[in-house]
């Protein structure tokens, strides 16, 4: 793995570059929401009801997904994000000289969301759907 052959600073700088590219993909669709990054895992949600998203590149605010006429739009957005992330990652060379390869997985279901904590509060998703997605990521399923 890259982290075994490259200093931690270079790993962090590479992940920053990769995740900024993912952030840019998210900014292209108002139904997508970056939930969190943990280590080298990047979690995205789509179709969260009542979430107000303010793009860093635009002063526009959109409410999702109630404004969408197609109920499949959030799922399509998630699939297109995953496909674009896979394609974009293949254009990057990791600090160890290897081509960047990522995995993308999808899971659907109900979640509960909200801000948790008062010191460094975080917007979090909870529910079996999130737990299943996390197990999928950690086990490589």
C-alpha atoms as a PDB file:
ATOM      1  CA  UNK A   1       0.000   0.000   0.000  1.00  0.00           C
ATOM      2  CA  UNK A   2       1.055   3.589  -0.579  1.00  0.00           C
ATOM      3  CA  UNK A   3       1.129   4.443   3.134  1.00  0.00           C
ATOM      4  CA  UNK A   4       3.793   1.783   3.745  1.00  0.00           C
ATOM      5  CA  UNK A   5       6.215   3.231   1.183  1.00  0.00           C
ATOM      6  CA  UNK A   6       5.532   6.990   1.276  1.00  0.00           C
ATOM      7  CA  UNK A   7       5.925   9.493   4.150  1.00  0.00           C
ATOM      8  CA  UNK A   8       2.624  10.468   5.847  1.00  0.00           C
ATOM      9  CA  UNK A   9       2.865  14.073   4.620  1.00  0.00           C
ATOM     10  CA  UNK A  10       2.916  12.909   0.985  1.00  0.00           C
ATOM     11  CA  UNK A  11      -0.035  10.575   1.602  1.00  0.00           C
ATOM     12  CA  UNK A  12      -2.030  13.450   3.122  1.00  0.00           C
ATOM     13  CA  UNK A  13      -1.136  15.794   0.247  1.00  0.00           C
ATOM     14  CA  UNK A  14      -2.202  13.189  -2.309  1.00  0.00           C
ATOM     15  CA  UNK A  15      -5.491  12.477  -0.517  1.00  0.00           C
ATOM     16  CA  UNK A  16      -6.118  16.222  -0.351  1.00  0.00           C
ATOM     17  CA  UNK A  17      -5.632  16.491  -4.130  1.00  0.00           C
ATOM     18  CA  UNK A  18      -7.903  13.478  -4.733  1.00  0.00           C
ATOM     19  CA  UNK A  19     -10.633  14.663  -2.358  1.00  0.00           C
ATOM     20  CA  UNK A  20     -10.621  18.188  -3.814  1.00  0.00           C
ATOM     21  CA  UNK A  21     -11.349  16.569  -7.179  1.00  0.00           C
ATOM     22  CA  UNK A  22     -14.219  14.619  -5.564  1.00  0.00           C
ATOM     23  CA  UNK A  23     -15.487  17.849  -3.966  1.00  0.00           C
ATOM     24  CA  UNK A  24     -15.513  19.456  -7.412  1.00  0.00           C
ATOM     25  CA  UNK A  25     -17.630  16.580  -8.738  1.00  0.00           C
ATOM     26  CA  UNK A  26     -20.065  17.024  -5.843  1.00  0.00           C
ATOM     27  CA  UNK A  27     -20.368  20.738  -6.573  1.00  0.00           C
ATOM     28  CA  UNK A  28     -21.713  19.847 -10.021  1.00  0.00           C
ATOM     29  CA  UNK A  29     -24.935  18.296  -8.669  1.00  0.00           C
ATOM     30  CA  UNK A  30     -27.113  19.805  -5.938  1.00  0.00           C
ATOM     31  CA  UNK A  31     -28.505  16.383  -4.926  1.00  0.00           C
ATOM     32  CA  UNK A  32     -25.065  15.224  -3.732  1.00  0.00           C
ATOM     33  CA  UNK A  33     -23.773  15.833  -0.206  1.00  0.00           C
ATOM     34  CA  UNK A  34     -20.288  15.064   1.094  1.00  0.00           C
ATOM     35  CA  UNK A  35     -20.892  13.355   4.404  1.00  0.00           C
ATOM     36  CA  UNK A  36     -17.372  12.763   5.642  1.00  0.00           C
ATOM     37  CA  UNK A  37     -13.898  11.498   5.026  1.00  0.00           C
ATOM     38  CA  UNK A  38     -12.330   8.968   7.378  1.00  0.00           C
ATOM     39  CA  UNK A  39      -8.778   8.109   6.486  1.00  0.00           C
ATOM     40  CA  UNK A  40      -8.887   7.338   2.792  1.00  0.00           C
ATOM     41  CA  UNK A  41     -12.671   6.746   2.703  1.00  0.00           C
ATOM     42  CA  UNK A  42     -14.935   9.367   1.135  1.00  0.00           C
ATOM     43  CA  UNK A  43     -18.693   9.091   1.803  1.00  0.00           C
ATOM     44  CA  UNK A  44     -21.310  10.833  -0.315  1.00  0.00           C
ATOM     45  CA  UNK A  45     -25.084  10.889   0.146  1.00  0.00           C
ATOM     46  CA  UNK A  46     -27.690  11.777  -2.427  1.00  0.00           C
ATOM     47  CA  UNK A  47     -31.317  12.755  -2.066  1.00  0.00           C
ATOM     48  CA  UNK A  48     -31.306  13.855   1.564  1.00  0.00           C
ATOM     49  CA  UNK A  49     -34.615  15.591   2.154  1.00  0.00           C
ATOM     50  CA  UNK A  50     -34.519  19.140   3.415  1.00  0.00           C
ATOM     51  CA  UNK A  51     -30.754  19.570   3.071  1.00  0.00           C
ATOM     52  CA  UNK A  52     -29.791  23.045   1.945  1.00  0.00           C
ATOM     53  CA  UNK A  53     -26.641  23.048  -0.092  1.00  0.00           C
ATOM     54  CA  UNK A  54     -24.667  26.201  -0.739  1.00  0.00           C
ATOM     55  CA  UNK A  55     -22.022  25.705  -3.373  1.00  0.00           C
ATOM     56  CA  UNK A  56     -18.672  27.326  -2.728  1.00  0.00           C
ATOM     57  CA  UNK A  57     -18.656  28.400  -6.356  1.00  0.00           C
ATOM     58  CA  UNK A  58     -22.119  29.881  -6.479  1.00  0.00           C
ATOM     59  CA  UNK A  59     -24.366  32.060  -4.384  1.00  0.00           C
ATOM     60  CA  UNK A  60     -27.334  29.871  -5.334  1.00  0.00           C
ATOM     61  CA  UNK A  61     -28.977  27.725  -2.675  1.00  0.00           C
ATOM     62  CA  UNK A  62     -30.929  24.618  -3.633  1.00  0.00           C
ATOM     63  CA  UNK A  63     -33.211  22.427  -1.581  1.00  0.00           C
ATOM     64  CA  UNK A  64     -33.041  18.746  -2.428  1.00  0.00           C
ATOM     65  CA  UNK A  65     -34.678  16.479  -3.457  1.00  0.00           C
ATOM     66  CA  UNK A  66     -38.244  17.768  -3.213  1.00  0.00           C
ATOM     67  CA  UNK A  67     -37.651  20.061  -6.194  1.00  0.00           C
ATOM     68  CA  UNK A  68     -36.771  17.105  -8.404  1.00  0.00           C
ATOM     69  CA  UNK A  69     -39.521  15.784 -10.649  1.00  0.00           C
ATOM     70  CA  UNK A  70     -37.845  12.385 -11.155  1.00  0.00           C
ATOM     71  CA  UNK A  71     -37.683  10.319  -7.927  1.00  0.00           C
ATOM     72  CA  UNK A  72     -34.730   8.389  -9.377  1.00  0.00           C
ATOM     73  CA  UNK A  73     -32.646  11.540  -9.829  1.00  0.00           C
ATOM     74  CA  UNK A  74     -30.745  11.138  -6.519  1.00  0.00           C
ATOM     75  CA  UNK A  75     -29.838   7.538  -7.366  1.00  0.00           C
ATOM     76  CA  UNK A  76     -28.749   8.525 -10.869  1.00  0.00           C
ATOM     77  CA  UNK A  77     -26.676  11.377  -9.417  1.00  0.00           C
ATOM     78  CA  UNK A  78     -24.927   8.948  -7.040  1.00  0.00           C
ATOM     79  CA  UNK A  79     -24.184   6.502  -9.851  1.00  0.00           C
ATOM     80  CA  UNK A  80     -22.842   9.255 -12.099  1.00  0.00           C
ATOM     81  CA  UNK A  81     -20.693  10.584  -9.236  1.00  0.00           C
ATOM     82  CA  UNK A  82     -19.211   7.121  -8.646  1.00  0.00           C
ATOM     83  CA  UNK A  83     -18.487   6.644 -12.339  1.00  0.00           C
ATOM     84  CA  UNK A  84     -16.914  10.106 -12.623  1.00  0.00           C
ATOM     85  CA  UNK A  85     -14.833   9.544  -9.471  1.00  0.00           C
ATOM     86  CA  UNK A  86     -13.500   6.259 -10.872  1.00  0.00           C
ATOM     87  CA  UNK A  87     -12.598   7.926 -14.175  1.00  0.00           C
ATOM     88  CA  UNK A  88     -11.013  10.961 -12.511  1.00  0.00           C
ATOM     89  CA  UNK A  89      -8.931   8.881 -10.097  1.00  0.00           C
ATOM     90  CA  UNK A  90      -7.383   6.978 -13.006  1.00  0.00           C
ATOM     91  CA  UNK A  91      -5.842  10.239 -14.225  1.00  0.00           C
ATOM     92  CA  UNK A  92      -3.796  10.679 -11.020  1.00  0.00           C
ATOM     93  CA  UNK A  93      -0.403   9.214 -10.185  1.00  0.00           C
ATOM     94  CA  UNK A  94       0.137   8.426  -6.505  1.00  0.00           C
ATOM     95  CA  UNK A  95       3.361   9.502  -4.737  1.00  0.00           C
ATOM     96  CA  UNK A  96       4.658   5.925  -4.975  1.00  0.00           C
ATOM     97  CA  UNK A  97       4.510   6.213  -8.788  1.00  0.00           C
ATOM     98  CA  UNK A  98       1.506   3.928  -9.249  1.00  0.00           C
ATOM     99  CA  UNK A  99      -1.725   4.818 -11.010  1.00  0.00           C
ATOM    100  CA  UNK A 100      -4.496   5.724  -8.563  1.00  0.00           C
ATOM    101  CA  UNK A 101      -7.154   3.051  -8.329  1.00  0.00           C
ATOM    102  CA  UNK A 102     -10.257   3.431  -6.179  1.00  0.00           C
ATOM    103  CA  UNK A 103     -13.351   1.391  -5.386  1.00  0.00           C
ATOM    104  CA  UNK A 104     -16.842   2.865  -5.467  1.00  0.00           C
ATOM    105  CA  UNK A 105     -19.842   1.221  -3.842  1.00  0.00           C
ATOM    106  CA  UNK A 106     -23.474   2.135  -3.425  1.00  0.00           C
ATOM    107  CA  UNK A 107     -26.134   1.308  -0.890  1.00  0.00           C
ATOM    108  CA  UNK A 108     -29.665   2.644  -0.528  1.00  0.00           C
ATOM    109  CA  UNK A 109     -32.048   3.015   2.374  1.00  0.00           C
ATOM    110  CA  UNK A 110     -33.395   5.236   5.094  1.00  0.00           C
ATOM    111  CA  UNK A 111     -31.122   7.449   7.186  1.00  0.00           C
ATOM    112  CA  UNK A 112     -31.495  10.015   9.914  1.00  0.00           C
ATOM    113  CA  UNK A 113     -29.291  13.081   9.661  1.00  0.00           C
ATOM    114  CA  UNK A 114     -28.323  15.996  11.825  1.00  0.00           C
ATOM    115  CA  UNK A 115     -25.613  17.993  13.511  1.00  0.00           C
ATOM    116  CA  UNK A 116     -23.966  16.215  16.422  1.00  0.00           C
ATOM    117  CA  UNK A 117     -21.992  17.876  19.196  1.00  0.00           C
ATOM    118  CA  UNK A 118     -21.150  21.432  20.163  1.00  0.00           C
ATOM    119  CA  UNK A 119     -17.342  21.367  20.055  1.00  0.00           C
ATOM    120  CA  UNK A 120     -16.349  20.864  16.422  1.00  0.00           C
ATOM    121  CA  UNK A 121     -19.931  19.876  15.482  1.00  0.00           C
ATOM    122  CA  UNK A 122     -20.371  17.517  12.565  1.00  0.00           C
ATOM    123  CA  UNK A 123     -23.210  16.826  10.190  1.00  0.00           C
ATOM    124  CA  UNK A 124     -23.726  13.063  10.480  1.00  0.00           C
ATOM    125  CA  UNK A 125     -25.886  10.345   8.999  1.00  0.00           C
ATOM    126  CA  UNK A 126     -27.160   7.492  11.154  1.00  0.00           C
ATOM    127  CA  UNK A 127     -28.955   4.231  10.483  1.00  0.00           C
ATOM    128  CA  UNK A 128     -28.456   0.713   9.249  1.00  0.00           C
ATOM    129  CA  UNK A 129     -27.932   2.032   5.717  1.00  0.00           C
ATOM    130  CA  UNK A 130     -24.834   3.938   6.868  1.00  0.00           C
ATOM    131  CA  UNK A 131     -23.591   0.946   8.858  1.00  0.00           C
ATOM    132  CA  UNK A 132     -23.989  -1.344   5.834  1.00  0.00           C
ATOM    133  CA  UNK A 133     -22.165   1.121   3.569  1.00  0.00           C
ATOM    134  CA  UNK A 134     -19.348   1.333   6.110  1.00  0.00           C
ATOM    135  CA  UNK A 135     -19.047  -2.459   6.303  1.00  0.00           C
ATOM    136  CA  UNK A 136     -19.043  -2.645   2.506  1.00  0.00           C
ATOM    137  CA  UNK A 137     -16.171  -0.143   2.386  1.00  0.00           C
ATOM    138  CA  UNK A 138     -14.081  -1.847   5.062  1.00  0.00           C
ATOM    139  CA  UNK A 139     -14.561  -5.367   3.714  1.00  0.00           C
ATOM    140  CA  UNK A 140     -14.152  -4.496   0.035  1.00  0.00           C
ATOM    141  CA  UNK A 141     -17.524  -6.011  -0.877  1.00  0.00           C
END
